[in-house]
Structures are given as C-alpha cells and as structure tokens.
Amino acid sequence: MIVPKKYILLLTLISILLCICIIQNVNDSDRNETFLEFTTSDIDLETINIVKKQTKTTTKLTEIYKIKRNDISIGMLSLNKHVMNNFDIYYIIEYKPLINHKDNLEIILPIKLNEPNYHYLSYEGKINYNNSKWVNGKYTKAFNLPKSSLILNDEKKSCFLSYASVYYTQDKKVRKEDYKLSKPLKIIDKGIVVSLPNIDNAIIEQWGIISEHPLIDWENKEVTKILKRMDLNRVRKWGKDGLYYKTPKSYYPTSENSYWLNPACHVGNKFIEDKGQRFFEDFSKISLVTASDTQNKKGIWYSTPRSKWLYKDYSIDGPFYDTRFNTDAALFLLKGFDKFKDKRFLHKAVKYGDFLLEYAEKHKYVTKNGGYLIWDYSNKNLSPIPNHVSLNHLITEMNFLYELYLRTEKIKYLDLGNKIKKAIRDTKNDWIREDNGDLHYAHLKDGSYGLQDYKILTLNDLKYSQKLIKSIDGKKDDCFKFLIQSKERYLKNSNIKY
C-alpha cells in the first residue's frame, strides 16, 4: 500500500506527536506535520512495518518505509523514535538506497529553531580527541553550518544533531565511512534539512536528541571536557545498534575510516554519572535500551571483526566473545537498573550472569585450591579453546558477579565470584613482575605470566574489588591489597600519575 504524504500523520502514534509538540511549543495547525517530511513533492512512502514498544525508560516507535520517487522504489528507510520518561526525544534514521540517483533524499525534521547558538568539534590534524576543540557561535542565515555533529540551543529548545554519516559495509560487519559524501545539516524556516545521498549499497544514518531543556551546561569545563573526550562526532559513531569505534590496526578489516560495533557501552557508562547534564542522562538511557535490545539469545554481545592476535595465537576468528567488553556492558546494565529503576536492565544483567556461570565451567584453568582462571575469549560457537587470562578481565568478572549477588541475593553468583577470588589468592605472587614490581597483564596458555599491563585500568579494577569484598566479607582482602600496593609502587617509581 502506498501512503501519500498527507496521510502519514495517521501512522504516527499520538504520544510521539504530543511530545514533539511540547518540545516545539507549536500551535494546533503545526501539529499536522509528520516527523518525516520531504523537500520535494515527488516522494511517497510505502509502509512496511510500524511497531511500538513500551518500557519504563522509553516509549519506542519503529517505522520502516519503502521510499518511492515517481512510483519508482529508490530506498528503504527506518525511523526509530524514543520518547523518554523526561519527555526528551531521541531518534535515529537509517537509509539504505536501492539505486543510484543524482539527487539526494532530503528530509525536513520538524525542529524549528530561532537563531540558535551552536557548538561543534573541530579537528587540527588527525581525527582524535587530543586534536579537537570546541567551536561556538550564534547562527544566522548568512552562516553555513559545518559538516559536523552539532549542539544547537535557542530560547525554547536544545538539540544534539549528528551529521548524516555515509557507510559501506566491509567484511565482518565493519563499516567504512565515506565522509566526503556527507552533507552538512541546513536550518530553514520549516525545520532542519537532512540530506541523504542515493548511492546503492550505502548505509546512511543520522540521529539526534531533542529537549525543551538545556542539554549541556557550557559553563561547566569538566562537562565540556568529558563531552569532547567521548567524541560522538568523528572518533566514535553512534548507530541504531550501538556505539562504533575506529577499528584498530590489530583488527581485520581496518582502515582510517573503518568502525566496528563495540559492545562495552563505555560512553554510556561514563555519561550515566551525568553530573547534572541532561544529554548525559538521555544518552545513557538510549545506550541501556540499545544494549538490552541487542543482547542475543545466549545473553552476550559478539565482537564481529577478526582480532589478528587471537586469530594467529588461538585460531579464534570474528565474531568472538570478549569477556571484558561483555562484562562491562552487564555492569552498565546494573548501573542503569540502580539509577532508573527499570527492571528490564536487571533481567538482562541476570541473563548475562547466567551465561557467565555456564561459560566458566567449560573455559577455565583451575588453581591448586579450586580457583577459576576464566579464559578471556571464545569463538562464535563458544568452543573450549584454551587462551590467556588477563587480570583485568578476571577481576571485572568477579566484580560483576558480586554486584549481581548484592542485587539478587542468589548464592550461585557469589560462589563463582569467590572461585575467582580464590584463583587470584592462589596466584598472587605470580602476577608481580620481578624486574620492576608492575603487574603482568595475563596468565598465558603455557602457564607462565607476561605481557604489558595497562597503566591504570587494572589498578582501578582492583580498588573496585576491594570495596565489593568489604561490603560482602566485612573487611578488605590482603591479597588484593598486596597487588594494589605493588602496582602503586611501580607507578610511583615510574613517575606515572594515578
């Protein structure tokens, strides 16, 4: 069925429209606008599917359309909209062209702004957070917006709007961005124009968060520093299935413009501390909902690229299971449950916890007193392939199990956590490097210890462990104290701040 544009309103749920109207502070006549309007009259939408999903944190509406120009199918478009429980709106558009066409598909988002202030990140040299700086000013019609993600504020609204990123899918679900094909956003009287190129086999995504309250306090230097470091513009890319990182050289496939889906939720985990920032709270909610939606039936999230290291040493190809990234995601879900009281996040963390119990029984080395050194990685089939055990992975698994026990009071999580603690006690002296007192990174497959540890990460994990151990046992653990002291001594002797 082909639905003319003037009838698209009938397909949009009332709750979404009401919230858009609240944010826009529009009059009754403006409420007849749909979220999807086009700059030309030759575009029609054929509805494929519309699904509504209600949770404690958001109301999600997923709309899928076939785009037609003069009755010719030119692309598939999905629109996910979330109305959060604070009435802010998150949306993400994904467009997959079916044919090449010289004209872009231009969508008008009904976000009306009156000479807004703008902030965006500009880079000097290589694209990373060390080379970026905030640029700000006041928009006028004589100013062309940059090809960048923008934070726009006027007297009524505050918006984070990404530019439309153009990707090609590489092997193993890695994405390669073609930045030159993207177009900057445009502000017109009717709203914001998003330009989506019609290039066969491309994937184009654009997303935003809209609020009637300021998203960021630009006077707070700590906040702007965090936002700059987390960089959701060119360093990391948000997609409808989660957060994409630049693919390192140790992964395949890779390039300067390639991105892979990292399941760890690092940015959401940082933002959930929020520091009074509405954007931080909103993005952490969306990250939590997305992590919940993308957890697979096993209870985990795969890393899809090939790690050249894992492939060479253990014949583990991508997609693979990474204990650290998965456990970080599960810990984030527990934080989300604590903060937003959405039981779905706890249920998803429990699902991962139950997976970890089963995984540990088949993927471990056993220490002299029955402790478990759980292997860091496995392949897609979760085959029992012996590999190394990183200290930071291991204690993070223990920390998660203790956190899960504290919320569920189920002894099975405490028992596995204690087996990990026992393994660390059994091997505590082996983790110390004889040459400088630093910690070894990992227990290796041949039973030896080695590789360079992180500067601070493992230390922070150990300190976190001590807090949990004290809350459960009533006192801190001498073994963990020993490891912390050795690491801190090394850092002090090496003049490394911590």
Protein backbone atom coordinates (compact mmCIF):
# COMPACT_ATOMS: atom_id res chain seq x y z
CA MET A 1 0.00 0.00 0.00
CA ILE A 2 1.36 3.42 -0.94
CA VAL A 3 0.51 6.13 1.57
CA PRO A 4 0.57 9.76 0.31
CA LYS A 5 2.50 12.15 2.49
CA LYS A 6 -0.59 14.00 3.64
CA TYR A 7 -1.84 10.80 5.31
CA ILE A 8 1.42 9.83 7.04
CA LEU A 9 0.15 11.57 10.18
CA LEU A 10 -2.31 8.71 10.65
CA LEU A 11 0.64 6.32 11.02
CA THR A 12 2.33 8.27 13.80
CA LEU A 13 1.35 7.49 17.36
CA ILE A 14 -0.24 10.23 19.42
CA SER A 15 2.32 10.05 22.21
CA ILE A 16 5.16 10.82 19.83
CA LEU A 17 3.37 13.75 18.26
CA LEU A 18 2.37 15.22 21.59
CA CYS A 19 5.95 15.18 22.80
CA ILE A 20 7.19 16.74 19.57
CA CYS A 21 4.56 19.45 20.01
CA ILE A 22 5.62 20.05 23.59
CA ILE A 23 9.23 20.45 22.54
CA GLN A 24 8.37 22.72 19.61
CA ASN A 25 5.74 24.63 21.59
CA VAL A 26 3.76 24.70 18.36
CA ASN A 27 0.18 25.75 17.74
CA ASP A 28 -2.60 23.42 16.62
CA SER A 29 -2.00 23.90 12.90
CA ASP A 30 1.64 22.86 13.24
CA ARG A 31 0.59 19.57 14.82
CA ASN A 32 -0.46 18.29 11.42
CA GLU A 33 3.22 17.87 10.44
CA THR A 34 4.70 14.40 10.37
CA PHE A 35 8.21 13.64 11.59
CA LEU A 36 9.10 12.69 8.00
CA GLU A 37 8.60 15.50 5.51
CA PHE A 38 10.50 15.93 2.26
CA THR A 39 11.74 18.97 0.35
CA THR A 40 10.23 17.78 -2.94
CA SER A 41 6.68 16.67 -3.79
CA ASP A 42 7.61 13.58 -5.80
CA ILE A 43 8.38 11.38 -2.75
CA ASP A 44 5.93 8.85 -1.31
CA LEU A 45 6.25 6.33 1.49
CA GLU A 46 5.07 2.73 1.36
CA THR A 47 4.61 1.48 4.91
CA ILE A 48 6.36 -1.82 5.59
CA ASN A 49 6.02 -2.05 9.36
CA ILE A 50 5.29 0.03 12.45
CA VAL A 51 6.00 -1.33 15.94
CA LYS A 52 5.52 0.32 19.32
CA LYS A 53 7.38 -0.89 22.42
CA GLN A 54 6.78 0.48 25.91
CA THR A 55 9.34 0.25 28.73
CA LYS A 56 9.79 2.09 32.00
CA THR A 57 12.58 4.20 30.48
CA THR A 58 11.28 4.99 26.97
CA THR A 59 8.40 4.54 24.57
CA LYS A 60 9.91 3.31 21.30
CA LEU A 61 8.31 3.56 17.90
CA THR A 62 9.97 1.81 14.96
CA GLU A 63 8.75 2.74 11.49
CA ILE A 64 10.01 1.08 8.28
CA TYR A 65 9.19 2.51 4.89
CA LYS A 66 9.96 1.94 1.23
CA ILE A 67 10.83 5.28 -0.37
CA LYS A 68 9.37 5.91 -3.82
CA ARG A 69 10.13 8.72 -6.24
CA ASN A 70 7.58 8.99 -9.04
CA ASP A 71 6.44 5.41 -8.26
CA ILE A 72 9.98 4.01 -8.53
CA SER A 73 11.43 2.37 -5.39
CA ILE A 74 14.66 4.17 -4.52
CA GLY A 75 15.43 3.08 -0.95
CA MET A 76 14.43 1.61 2.40
CA LEU A 77 14.18 3.92 5.41
CA SER A 78 13.78 3.08 9.09
CA LEU A 79 12.99 5.62 11.78
CA ASN A 80 13.36 4.75 15.45
CA LYS A 81 11.89 7.28 17.88
CA HIS A 82 12.10 7.08 21.65
CA VAL A 83 10.12 9.36 23.93
CA MET A 84 11.94 9.21 27.23
CA ASN A 85 10.28 9.42 30.60
CA ASN A 86 11.56 13.01 30.94
CA PHE A 87 9.78 13.81 27.60
CA ASP A 88 13.02 14.29 25.67
CA ILE A 89 13.06 12.65 22.24
CA TYR A 90 15.76 10.50 20.70
CA TYR A 91 15.52 9.47 17.07
CA ILE A 92 17.72 7.71 14.54
CA ILE A 93 17.19 7.49 10.79
CA GLU A 94 18.75 4.70 8.74
CA TYR A 95 18.51 4.92 4.96
CA LYS A 96 19.56 2.17 2.54
CA PRO A 97 19.33 3.32 -1.10
CA LEU A 98 18.29 0.68 -3.63
CA ILE A 99 19.53 2.56 -6.70
CA ASN A 100 21.96 5.30 -7.62
CA HIS A 101 20.37 8.69 -8.18
CA LYS A 102 21.96 12.08 -8.69
CA ASP A 103 19.53 13.81 -6.30
CA ASN A 104 19.77 13.30 -2.56
CA LEU A 105 16.75 12.40 -0.47
CA GLU A 106 16.15 15.46 1.69
CA ILE A 107 14.14 15.12 4.90
CA ILE A 108 12.85 18.05 6.90
CA LEU A 109 12.88 17.35 10.62
CA PRO A 110 10.19 19.43 12.41
CA ILE A 111 12.70 21.11 14.72
CA LYS A 112 12.19 24.86 14.44
CA LEU A 113 14.98 26.99 15.86
CA ASN A 114 15.25 30.75 16.19
CA GLU A 115 18.84 31.92 15.60
CA PRO A 116 20.28 29.21 17.85
CA ASN A 117 23.68 29.13 19.47
CA TYR A 118 25.83 26.30 18.12
CA HIS A 119 28.72 24.18 19.39
CA TYR A 120 30.70 21.62 17.41
CA LEU A 121 34.09 19.89 17.46
CA SER A 122 36.79 20.97 15.04
CA TYR A 123 39.98 18.95 14.46
CA GLU A 124 43.51 20.10 13.79
CA GLY A 125 45.31 17.24 12.09
CA LYS A 126 44.47 13.61 12.82
CA ILE A 127 40.92 12.85 13.94
CA ASN A 128 41.16 12.16 17.67
CA TYR A 129 40.09 13.88 20.87
CA ASN A 130 43.60 15.23 21.52
CA ASN A 131 43.38 17.29 18.32
CA SER A 132 39.85 18.60 18.75
CA LYS A 133 38.47 21.82 20.18
CA TRP A 134 35.03 23.30 20.72
CA VAL A 135 33.87 25.96 18.27
CA ASN A 136 30.81 28.01 19.17
CA GLY A 137 28.82 30.96 17.88
CA LYS A 138 25.37 32.26 17.06
CA TYR A 139 23.69 31.03 13.89
CA THR A 140 22.43 33.49 11.27
CA LYS A 141 21.07 32.81 7.79
CA ALA A 142 24.35 34.04 6.33
CA PHE A 143 26.22 31.20 8.09
CA ASN A 144 26.61 27.74 6.56
CA LEU A 145 26.64 25.00 9.18
CA PRO A 146 29.76 22.80 9.18
CA LYS A 147 29.69 19.12 8.24
CA SER A 148 29.75 18.03 11.85
CA SER A 149 27.56 16.89 14.71
CA LEU A 150 26.04 19.97 16.32
CA ILE A 151 24.57 21.01 19.62
CA LEU A 152 22.03 23.77 18.98
CA ASN A 153 20.22 25.87 21.58
CA ASP A 154 17.65 28.63 21.35
CA GLU A 155 15.34 30.06 24.00
CA LYS A 156 12.93 27.10 23.76
CA LYS A 157 14.87 24.03 22.63
CA SER A 158 18.18 22.23 22.90
CA CYS A 159 19.26 19.61 20.35
CA PHE A 160 22.13 17.28 19.64
CA LEU A 161 22.07 16.52 15.91
CA SER A 162 24.58 14.32 14.14
CA TYR A 163 25.50 14.87 10.54
CA ALA A 164 24.34 12.14 8.14
CA SER A 165 27.16 9.57 8.05
CA VAL A 166 27.59 7.53 4.86
CA TYR A 167 28.98 4.00 5.25
CA TYR A 168 29.82 0.99 3.14
CA THR A 169 29.74 -2.42 4.81
CA GLN A 170 33.08 -4.22 4.84
CA ASP A 171 33.78 -7.81 5.81
CA LYS A 172 32.71 -8.96 9.29
CA LYS A 173 30.16 -6.15 9.70
CA VAL A 174 32.81 -3.43 9.86
CA ARG A 175 31.68 -0.08 8.43
CA LYS A 176 33.81 2.25 6.33
CA GLU A 177 32.73 5.88 6.30
CA ASP A 178 32.90 7.99 3.13
CA TYR A 179 32.96 11.41 4.77
CA LYS A 180 33.12 13.35 1.50
CA LEU A 181 29.64 12.08 0.54
CA SER A 182 28.02 13.54 3.67
CA LYS A 183 26.29 16.90 3.57
CA PRO A 184 26.00 19.41 6.43
CA LEU A 185 22.66 20.00 8.08
CA LYS A 186 20.68 23.05 6.99
CA ILE A 187 18.36 25.25 9.04
CA ILE A 188 15.26 26.50 7.22
CA ASP A 189 12.03 28.06 8.46
CA LYS A 190 10.22 24.70 8.48
CA GLY A 191 12.94 22.84 10.41
CA ILE A 192 16.24 21.03 9.90
CA VAL A 193 17.09 19.60 6.48
CA VAL A 194 18.95 16.26 6.47
CA SER A 195 20.41 15.30 3.09
CA LEU A 196 20.77 11.56 2.38
CA PRO A 197 22.67 10.55 -0.78
CA ASN A 198 21.14 7.93 -3.07
CA ILE A 199 24.09 5.58 -3.52
CA ASP A 200 23.43 1.88 -3.99
CA ASN A 201 24.84 -0.40 -1.24
CA ALA A 202 25.47 2.50 1.13
CA ILE A 203 24.06 2.86 4.66
CA ILE A 204 23.28 6.39 5.83
CA GLU A 205 22.49 7.17 9.46
CA GLN A 206 21.55 10.39 11.22
CA TRP A 207 20.40 10.76 14.82
CA GLY A 208 19.55 13.33 17.41
CA ILE A 209 18.26 14.15 20.89
CA ILE A 210 15.72 16.95 21.32
CA SER A 211 14.73 18.62 24.59
CA GLU A 212 12.91 21.69 25.81
CA HIS A 213 15.65 22.00 28.46
CA PRO A 214 19.38 22.75 28.02
CA LEU A 215 21.24 19.53 27.23
CA ILE A 216 24.69 20.77 28.27
CA ASP A 217 25.94 23.40 30.72
CA TRP A 218 28.62 25.05 28.59
CA GLU A 219 29.97 26.97 31.58
CA ASN A 220 30.99 23.70 33.25
CA LYS A 221 34.50 23.00 31.96
CA GLU A 222 34.62 19.49 33.41
CA VAL A 223 31.46 18.59 31.49
CA THR A 224 32.66 20.03 28.17
CA LYS A 225 35.98 18.22 28.62
CA ILE A 226 34.17 14.89 29.13
CA LEU A 227 31.94 15.51 26.11
CA LYS A 228 34.99 16.34 24.00
CA ARG A 229 36.85 13.23 25.14
CA MET A 230 33.87 10.95 24.48
CA ASP A 231 33.56 12.47 20.95
CA LEU A 232 30.35 11.28 19.27
CA ASN A 233 31.25 13.08 16.05
CA ARG A 234 34.18 11.52 14.17
CA VAL A 235 36.09 9.45 16.77
CA ARG A 236 33.08 7.33 17.79
CA LYS A 237 29.92 6.87 15.78
CA TRP A 238 26.52 6.12 17.24
CA GLY A 239 24.37 3.73 15.20
CA LYS A 240 20.95 2.21 15.75
CA ASP A 241 22.59 -0.97 17.14
CA GLY A 242 25.10 0.76 19.41
CA LEU A 243 28.42 2.60 19.55
CA TYR A 244 31.03 2.17 16.83
CA TYR A 245 34.76 2.68 17.45
CA LYS A 246 37.53 3.27 14.94
CA THR A 247 38.87 -0.16 14.02
CA PRO A 248 42.44 -0.63 15.31
CA LYS A 249 45.25 -1.88 13.09
CA SER A 250 45.23 -5.14 15.06
CA TYR A 251 41.75 -5.91 13.69
CA TYR A 252 40.60 -7.03 10.26
CA PRO A 253 39.25 -5.35 8.22
CA THR A 254 40.63 -1.95 9.09
CA SER A 255 41.31 1.49 7.64
CA GLU A 256 41.50 5.07 8.90
CA ASN A 257 37.76 5.43 8.30
CA SER A 258 36.57 1.98 9.43
CA TYR A 259 34.39 1.47 12.50
CA TRP A 260 33.34 -1.61 14.46
CA LEU A 261 30.50 -2.12 16.92
CA ASN A 262 31.99 -2.22 20.42
CA PRO A 263 29.56 -3.83 22.92
CA ALA A 264 31.14 -2.36 26.08
CA CYS A 265 28.97 0.80 26.39
CA HIS A 266 31.93 2.89 27.58
CA VAL A 267 30.39 6.27 26.72
CA GLY A 268 27.02 5.45 28.24
CA ASN A 269 28.83 4.17 31.33
CA LYS A 270 30.71 7.47 31.62
CA PHE A 271 27.61 9.56 30.99
CA ILE A 272 25.44 7.71 33.50
CA GLU A 273 27.27 9.66 36.21
CA ASP A 274 25.53 12.59 34.39
CA LYS A 275 26.88 15.42 36.62
CA GLY A 276 23.53 17.17 36.21
CA GLN A 277 23.69 17.10 32.40
CA ARG A 278 20.52 16.23 30.55
CA PHE A 279 22.36 15.00 27.45
CA PHE A 280 24.42 12.60 29.56
CA GLU A 281 21.28 11.17 31.14
CA ASP A 282 19.47 10.86 27.81
CA PHE A 283 22.38 9.19 26.03
CA SER A 284 22.92 6.74 28.88
CA LYS A 285 19.22 5.76 28.71
CA ILE A 286 19.43 5.15 24.97
CA SER A 287 22.64 3.17 25.44
CA LEU A 288 20.95 1.00 28.07
CA VAL A 289 17.89 0.37 25.91
CA THR A 290 20.08 -0.44 22.90
CA ALA A 291 22.28 -2.82 24.91
CA SER A 292 19.13 -4.57 26.14
CA ASP A 293 17.70 -4.82 22.63
CA THR A 294 20.91 -6.15 21.06
CA GLN A 295 21.79 -8.80 23.67
CA ASN A 296 21.50 -12.14 21.87
CA LYS A 297 19.68 -15.28 22.99
CA LYS A 298 22.80 -16.59 24.70
CA GLY A 299 22.92 -13.44 26.82
CA ILE A 300 26.02 -11.91 25.21
CA TRP A 301 27.20 -9.43 22.59
CA TYR A 302 29.76 -10.52 19.99
CA SER A 303 32.68 -8.50 18.65
CA THR A 304 32.43 -9.06 14.90
CA PRO A 305 35.89 -8.17 13.44
CA ARG A 306 38.85 -10.51 13.41
CA SER A 307 41.48 -9.84 16.06
CA LYS A 308 44.73 -10.68 14.29
CA TRP A 309 46.27 -11.60 17.65
CA LEU A 310 43.51 -14.03 18.63
CA TYR A 311 43.37 -15.50 15.15
CA LYS A 312 47.13 -16.06 15.00
CA ASP A 313 47.62 -17.43 18.53
CA TYR A 314 44.39 -19.35 19.10
CA SER A 315 42.59 -19.58 15.73
CA ILE A 316 39.72 -17.56 17.23
CA ASP A 317 38.07 -15.63 14.40
CA GLY A 318 35.41 -12.96 14.50
CA PRO A 319 32.72 -12.81 15.60
CA PHE A 320 34.17 -13.63 19.01
CA TYR A 321 33.17 -13.35 22.66
CA ASP A 322 35.21 -10.89 24.73
CA THR A 323 34.76 -11.31 28.49
CA ARG A 324 35.82 -7.76 29.34
CA PHE A 325 33.62 -5.89 26.88
CA ASN A 326 30.63 -8.10 27.71
CA THR A 327 31.10 -7.79 31.44
CA ASP A 328 31.47 -4.02 31.12
CA ALA A 329 28.12 -3.96 29.31
CA ALA A 330 26.49 -6.06 32.03
CA LEU A 331 27.88 -3.82 34.78
CA PHE A 332 26.47 -0.84 32.90
CA LEU A 333 23.05 -2.50 32.87
CA LEU A 334 23.25 -2.88 36.65
CA LYS A 335 24.09 0.81 36.98
CA GLY A 336 21.12 1.57 34.76
CA PHE A 337 18.85 -0.50 36.97
CA ASP A 338 20.11 1.31 40.06
CA LYS A 339 19.63 4.76 38.53
CA PHE A 340 16.44 4.41 36.51
CA LYS A 341 14.72 1.51 38.35
CA ASP A 342 13.95 -0.27 35.09
CA LYS A 343 13.80 -3.99 35.92
CA ARG A 344 14.48 -4.88 32.30
CA PHE A 345 18.10 -3.81 32.78
CA LEU A 346 18.43 -6.11 35.80
CA HIS A 347 16.87 -9.01 33.88
CA LYS A 348 19.37 -8.53 31.05
CA ALA A 349 22.26 -8.44 33.52
CA VAL A 350 20.96 -11.65 35.12
CA LYS A 351 20.81 -13.26 31.70
CA TYR A 352 24.47 -12.44 31.15
CA GLY A 353 25.32 -13.62 34.68
CA ASP A 354 23.71 -16.99 34.00
CA PHE A 355 25.67 -17.25 30.76
CA LEU A 356 28.89 -16.48 32.64
CA LEU A 357 28.21 -19.26 35.15
CA GLU A 358 27.93 -21.77 32.32
CA TYR A 359 30.86 -20.35 30.37
CA ALA A 360 33.19 -20.53 33.38
CA GLU A 361 32.67 -24.26 33.82
CA LYS A 362 34.00 -25.05 30.34
CA HIS A 363 36.51 -22.24 29.75
CA LYS A 364 38.93 -22.14 32.65
CA TYR A 365 42.17 -23.16 34.30
CA VAL A 366 41.80 -24.48 37.86
CA THR A 367 44.27 -23.36 40.53
CA LYS A 368 45.64 -25.50 43.36
CA ASN A 369 42.79 -24.74 45.76
CA GLY A 370 40.00 -24.95 43.20
CA GLY A 371 40.01 -21.35 42.00
CA TYR A 372 38.88 -20.44 38.48
CA LEU A 373 41.07 -18.60 35.97
CA ILE A 374 38.47 -17.94 33.26
CA TRP A 375 39.67 -17.64 29.67
CA ASP A 376 39.33 -14.20 28.11
CA TYR A 377 37.92 -15.17 24.73
CA SER A 378 35.98 -17.70 22.74
CA ASN A 379 34.73 -18.04 19.18
CA LYS A 380 31.19 -17.65 17.91
CA ASN A 381 30.37 -21.26 18.80
CA LEU A 382 31.86 -20.86 22.30
CA SER A 383 34.21 -23.77 21.67
CA PRO A 384 36.52 -24.59 24.63
CA ILE A 385 39.72 -23.10 23.17
CA PRO A 386 42.36 -22.53 25.90
CA ASN A 387 43.76 -18.98 25.78
CA HIS A 388 45.15 -16.38 28.15
CA VAL A 389 43.54 -14.93 31.30
CA SER A 390 44.01 -11.18 31.75
CA LEU A 391 43.93 -9.94 35.33
CA ASN A 392 41.67 -7.01 34.41
CA HIS A 393 39.18 -9.33 32.67
CA LEU A 394 39.20 -11.77 35.58
CA ILE A 395 38.61 -9.32 38.41
CA THR A 396 35.97 -7.46 36.39
CA GLU A 397 34.06 -10.74 36.08
CA MET A 398 34.37 -11.17 39.85
CA ASN A 399 33.20 -7.60 40.44
CA PHE A 400 30.16 -8.12 38.24
CA LEU A 401 29.24 -11.39 39.97
CA TYR A 402 29.48 -9.72 43.38
CA GLU A 403 27.35 -6.79 42.19
CA LEU A 404 24.78 -9.22 40.80
CA TYR A 405 24.75 -11.17 44.06
CA LEU A 406 24.18 -7.96 46.05
CA ARG A 407 21.08 -7.20 43.96
CA THR A 408 19.62 -10.70 43.63
CA GLU A 409 20.96 -12.45 46.78
CA LYS A 410 21.48 -15.58 44.67
CA ILE A 411 24.33 -17.65 46.06
CA LYS A 412 25.35 -19.03 42.66
CA TYR A 413 26.78 -15.65 41.66
CA LEU A 414 28.62 -15.30 44.98
CA ASP A 415 30.06 -18.80 44.60
CA LEU A 416 31.62 -18.13 41.20
CA GLY A 417 32.88 -14.75 42.36
CA ASN A 418 34.57 -16.47 45.30
CA LYS A 419 36.16 -19.05 43.00
CA ILE A 420 37.72 -16.22 41.00
CA LYS A 421 38.90 -14.58 44.21
CA LYS A 422 40.40 -17.89 45.30
CA ALA A 423 42.27 -18.17 41.99
CA ILE A 424 43.77 -14.71 42.46
CA ARG A 425 44.81 -15.60 46.01
CA ASP A 426 46.40 -18.83 44.76
CA THR A 427 48.41 -16.96 42.13
CA LYS A 428 49.05 -13.59 43.77
CA ASN A 429 52.85 -13.78 43.69
CA ASP A 430 52.88 -14.87 40.06
CA TRP A 431 51.24 -11.63 38.94
CA ILE A 432 54.19 -9.50 40.13
CA ARG A 433 56.96 -8.78 37.66
CA GLU A 434 60.38 -9.44 39.15
CA ASP A 435 62.12 -6.65 37.20
CA ASN A 436 60.03 -3.65 38.27
CA GLY A 437 57.14 -4.74 40.52
CA ASP A 438 54.50 -3.95 37.91
CA LEU A 439 51.73 -6.46 37.31
CA HIS A 440 51.82 -8.93 34.47
CA TYR A 441 48.95 -8.46 32.06
CA ALA A 442 47.93 -12.10 31.78
CA HIS A 443 48.28 -15.73 32.78
CA LEU A 444 49.30 -17.30 29.47
CA LYS A 445 48.25 -20.54 27.86
CA ASP A 446 51.56 -22.26 28.76
CA GLY A 447 51.12 -21.42 32.45
CA SER A 448 53.58 -18.52 32.50
CA TYR A 449 52.74 -14.87 33.17
CA GLY A 450 53.55 -11.95 30.90
CA LEU A 451 52.59 -9.10 28.55
CA GLN A 452 52.45 -5.41 29.43
CA ASP A 453 49.68 -4.37 31.80
CA TYR A 454 47.62 -1.20 31.43
CA LYS A 455 48.90 1.84 33.32
CA ILE A 456 45.82 2.49 35.44
CA LEU A 457 42.93 0.26 34.34
CA THR A 458 43.80 -2.87 36.33
CA LEU A 459 44.60 -0.79 39.42
CA ASN A 460 41.17 0.81 39.33
CA ASP A 461 39.58 -2.62 38.88
CA LEU A 462 41.45 -3.92 41.94
CA LYS A 463 40.34 -0.96 44.07
CA TYR A 464 36.76 -1.52 42.97
CA SER A 465 37.15 -5.18 44.01
CA GLN A 466 38.25 -4.18 47.48
CA LYS A 467 35.12 -2.11 48.02
CA LEU A 468 32.91 -5.01 46.97
CA ILE A 469 34.84 -7.54 49.03
CA LYS A 470 34.49 -5.33 52.10
CA SER A 471 30.75 -4.94 51.54
CA ILE A 472 30.36 -8.75 51.35
CA ASP A 473 33.02 -10.05 53.76
CA GLY A 474 33.10 -7.11 56.14
CA LYS A 475 36.80 -6.46 55.51
CA LYS A 476 39.23 -5.90 52.67
CA ASP A 477 41.32 -8.71 51.21
CA ASP A 478 45.07 -8.88 51.96
CA CYS A 479 45.85 -10.43 48.57
CA PHE A 480 44.19 -7.59 46.68
CA LYS A 481 45.92 -5.10 48.97
CA PHE A 482 49.25 -6.73 48.06
CA LEU A 483 48.56 -6.40 44.32
CA ILE A 484 47.38 -2.79 44.67
CA GLN A 485 50.45 -1.80 46.66
CA SER A 486 52.83 -3.40 44.17
CA LYS A 487 51.13 -1.62 41.26
CA GLU A 488 51.11 1.73 43.04
CA ARG A 489 54.78 1.35 43.96
CA TYR A 490 55.63 0.73 40.31
CA LEU A 491 53.62 3.75 39.16
CA LYS A 492 55.25 5.99 41.76
CA ASN A 493 58.75 4.80 40.87
CA SER A 494 57.97 5.38 37.19
CA ASN A 495 56.57 8.90 37.81
CA ILE A 496 53.20 7.90 36.37
CA LYS A 497 50.24 9.81 37.81
CA TYR A 498 47.32 7.77 39.08
